[in-house]
Amino acid sequence: MSPLFRRNPPRDRLVTLIGKPGCHLCDDAQVVVEKVCGDLGVPWEKKDITEDQELHDQYWEQIPVVLVDGRQHTFWRVNEGRLRKALAD
């Protein structure tokens, strides 16, 4: 995507992927997050619910969960087009 189409500077955005090891949906979600964030230059981080009790308590039934700028964007399956749109707004 051309930088001319970005409304917010990528450095001002953050995508967080919340999951756990051995979760095939989490692995699938990571592929999408890596691709979209890499294409758009948006930083992203990965958090493991097995290492954070608060995240576990909040999200264990929904993983993988994707947050955009700290707000829940989606869970279970990540749609590439929908994530791109959320990051372009």
C-alpha atoms as a PDB file:
ATOM      1  CA  MET A   1       0.000   0.000   0.000  1.00  0.00           C
ATOM      2  CA  SER A   2       1.324   3.434  -0.869  1.00  0.00           C
ATOM      3  CA  PRO A   3       2.167   5.790   2.035  1.00  0.00           C
ATOM      4  CA  LEU A   4      -0.222   8.312   0.457  1.00  0.00           C
ATOM      5  CA  PHE A   5      -3.180   6.156   1.521  1.00  0.00           C
ATOM      6  CA  ARG A   6      -2.211   5.996   5.207  1.00  0.00           C
ATOM      7  CA  ARG A   7      -4.251   8.305   7.388  1.00  0.00           C
ATOM      8  CA  ASN A   8      -2.259   7.800  10.609  1.00  0.00           C
ATOM      9  CA  PRO A   9       1.510   7.390  10.832  1.00  0.00           C
ATOM     10  CA  PRO A  10       2.333   3.696  11.356  1.00  0.00           C
ATOM     11  CA  ARG A  11       4.514   4.439  14.379  1.00  0.00           C
ATOM     12  CA  ASP A  12       1.426   5.748  16.172  1.00  0.00           C
ATOM     13  CA  ARG A  13      -0.342   2.384  15.871  1.00  0.00           C
ATOM     14  CA  LEU A  14       0.252  -0.873  17.739  1.00  0.00           C
ATOM     15  CA  VAL A  15      -1.164  -4.317  17.063  1.00  0.00           C
ATOM     16  CA  THR A  16      -1.096  -6.835  19.898  1.00  0.00           C
ATOM     17  CA  LEU A  17      -1.594 -10.546  19.269  1.00  0.00           C
ATOM     18  CA  ILE A  18      -2.673 -12.457  22.371  1.00  0.00           C
ATOM     19  CA  GLY A  19      -2.402 -16.235  22.258  1.00  0.00           C
ATOM     20  CA  LYS A  20      -0.559 -19.232  23.628  1.00  0.00           C
ATOM     21  CA  PRO A  21       1.943 -21.836  22.418  1.00  0.00           C
ATOM     22  CA  GLY A  22       0.508 -24.815  20.563  1.00  0.00           C
ATOM     23  CA  CYS A  23      -2.578 -22.943  19.374  1.00  0.00           C
ATOM     24  CA  HIS A  24      -2.991 -23.465  15.618  1.00  0.00           C
ATOM     25  CA  LEU A  25      -5.408 -20.513  15.325  1.00  0.00           C
ATOM     26  CA  CYS A  26      -2.801 -18.341  17.062  1.00  0.00           C
ATOM     27  CA  ASP A  27      -0.188 -19.448  14.529  1.00  0.00           C
ATOM     28  CA  ASP A  28      -2.579 -18.616  11.680  1.00  0.00           C
ATOM     29  CA  ALA A  29      -3.340 -15.216  13.217  1.00  0.00           C
ATOM     30  CA  GLN A  30       0.364 -14.442  13.558  1.00  0.00           C
ATOM     31  CA  VAL A  31       0.919 -15.020   9.851  1.00  0.00           C
ATOM     32  CA  VAL A  32      -1.787 -12.451   9.022  1.00  0.00           C
ATOM     33  CA  VAL A  33      -0.593  -9.939  11.638  1.00  0.00           C
ATOM     34  CA  GLU A  34       3.028 -10.216  10.463  1.00  0.00           C
ATOM     35  CA  LYS A  35       2.008  -9.738   6.826  1.00  0.00           C
ATOM     36  CA  VAL A  36      -0.321  -6.780   7.355  1.00  0.00           C
ATOM     37  CA  CYS A  37       1.900  -5.008   9.870  1.00  0.00           C
ATOM     38  CA  GLY A  38       4.972  -5.642   7.730  1.00  0.00           C
ATOM     39  CA  ASP A  39       3.243  -4.268   4.629  1.00  0.00           C
ATOM     40  CA  LEU A  40       2.016  -1.153   6.458  1.00  0.00           C
ATOM     41  CA  GLY A  41       5.031  -0.573   8.695  1.00  0.00           C
ATOM     42  CA  VAL A  42       2.928  -0.929  11.843  1.00  0.00           C
ATOM     43  CA  PRO A  43       4.656  -2.254  14.971  1.00  0.00           C
ATOM     44  CA  TRP A  44       3.186  -5.333  16.602  1.00  0.00           C
ATOM     45  CA  GLU A  45       3.778  -7.412  19.695  1.00  0.00           C
ATOM     46  CA  LYS A  46       2.887 -10.905  20.845  1.00  0.00           C
ATOM     47  CA  LYS A  47       1.620 -11.729  24.346  1.00  0.00           C
ATOM     48  CA  ASP A  48       1.247 -15.194  25.841  1.00  0.00           C
ATOM     49  CA  ILE A  49      -1.733 -15.863  28.134  1.00  0.00           C
ATOM     50  CA  THR A  50       0.237 -18.624  29.872  1.00  0.00           C
ATOM     51  CA  GLU A  51       2.666 -15.975  31.156  1.00  0.00           C
ATOM     52  CA  ASP A  52       0.131 -13.332  32.211  1.00  0.00           C
ATOM     53  CA  GLN A  53      -2.708 -14.269  34.570  1.00  0.00           C
ATOM     54  CA  GLU A  54      -4.705 -11.098  33.825  1.00  0.00           C
ATOM     55  CA  LEU A  55      -4.628 -11.762  30.075  1.00  0.00           C
ATOM     56  CA  HIS A  56      -5.497 -15.411  30.716  1.00  0.00           C
ATOM     57  CA  ASP A  57      -8.507 -14.477  32.840  1.00  0.00           C
ATOM     58  CA  GLN A  58      -9.736 -11.950  30.279  1.00  0.00           C
ATOM     59  CA  TYR A  59      -9.129 -13.753  26.988  1.00  0.00           C
ATOM     60  CA  TRP A  60      -8.644 -17.533  27.507  1.00  0.00           C
ATOM     61  CA  GLU A  61     -11.899 -18.436  25.729  1.00  0.00           C
ATOM     62  CA  GLN A  62     -11.254 -16.135  22.775  1.00  0.00           C
ATOM     63  CA  ILE A  63      -7.635 -16.681  21.731  1.00  0.00           C
ATOM     64  CA  PRO A  64      -6.200 -15.641  19.492  1.00  0.00           C
ATOM     65  CA  VAL A  65      -7.220 -12.075  20.194  1.00  0.00           C
ATOM     66  CA  VAL A  66      -5.975  -9.080  18.218  1.00  0.00           C
ATOM     67  CA  LEU A  67      -5.916  -5.631  19.765  1.00  0.00           C
ATOM     68  CA  VAL A  68      -5.408  -2.474  17.736  1.00  0.00           C
ATOM     69  CA  ASP A  69      -4.116   0.394  19.848  1.00  0.00           C
ATOM     70  CA  GLY A  70      -5.169  -1.473  22.989  1.00  0.00           C
ATOM     71  CA  ARG A  71      -8.771  -2.079  21.897  1.00  0.00           C
ATOM     72  CA  GLN A  72     -10.070  -5.489  20.904  1.00  0.00           C
ATOM     73  CA  HIS A  73     -10.260  -5.763  17.132  1.00  0.00           C
ATOM     74  CA  THR A  74     -11.101  -9.449  16.658  1.00  0.00           C
ATOM     75  CA  PHE A  75     -10.738 -12.940  18.062  1.00  0.00           C
ATOM     76  CA  TRP A  76     -10.388 -16.546  16.819  1.00  0.00           C
ATOM     77  CA  ARG A  77      -9.809 -15.717  13.128  1.00  0.00           C
ATOM     78  CA  VAL A  78      -8.065 -12.648  11.742  1.00  0.00           C
ATOM     79  CA  ASN A  79      -9.352 -11.248   8.467  1.00  0.00           C
ATOM     80  CA  GLU A  80      -6.514  -9.617   6.543  1.00  0.00           C
ATOM     81  CA  GLY A  81      -8.713  -7.043   4.778  1.00  0.00           C
ATOM     82  CA  ARG A  82     -10.504  -6.051   7.965  1.00  0.00           C
ATOM     83  CA  LEU A  83      -7.192  -5.600   9.839  1.00  0.00           C
ATOM     84  CA  ARG A  84      -5.781  -3.492   6.992  1.00  0.00           C
ATOM     85  CA  LYS A  85      -8.888  -1.308   7.060  1.00  0.00           C
ATOM     86  CA  ALA A  86      -8.688  -0.861  10.832  1.00  0.00           C
ATOM     87  CA  LEU A  87      -5.060   0.241  10.550  1.00  0.00           C
ATOM     88  CA  ALA A  88      -5.839   2.644   7.695  1.00  0.00           C
ATOM     89  CA  ASP A  89      -8.502   4.517   9.690  1.00  0.00           C
END
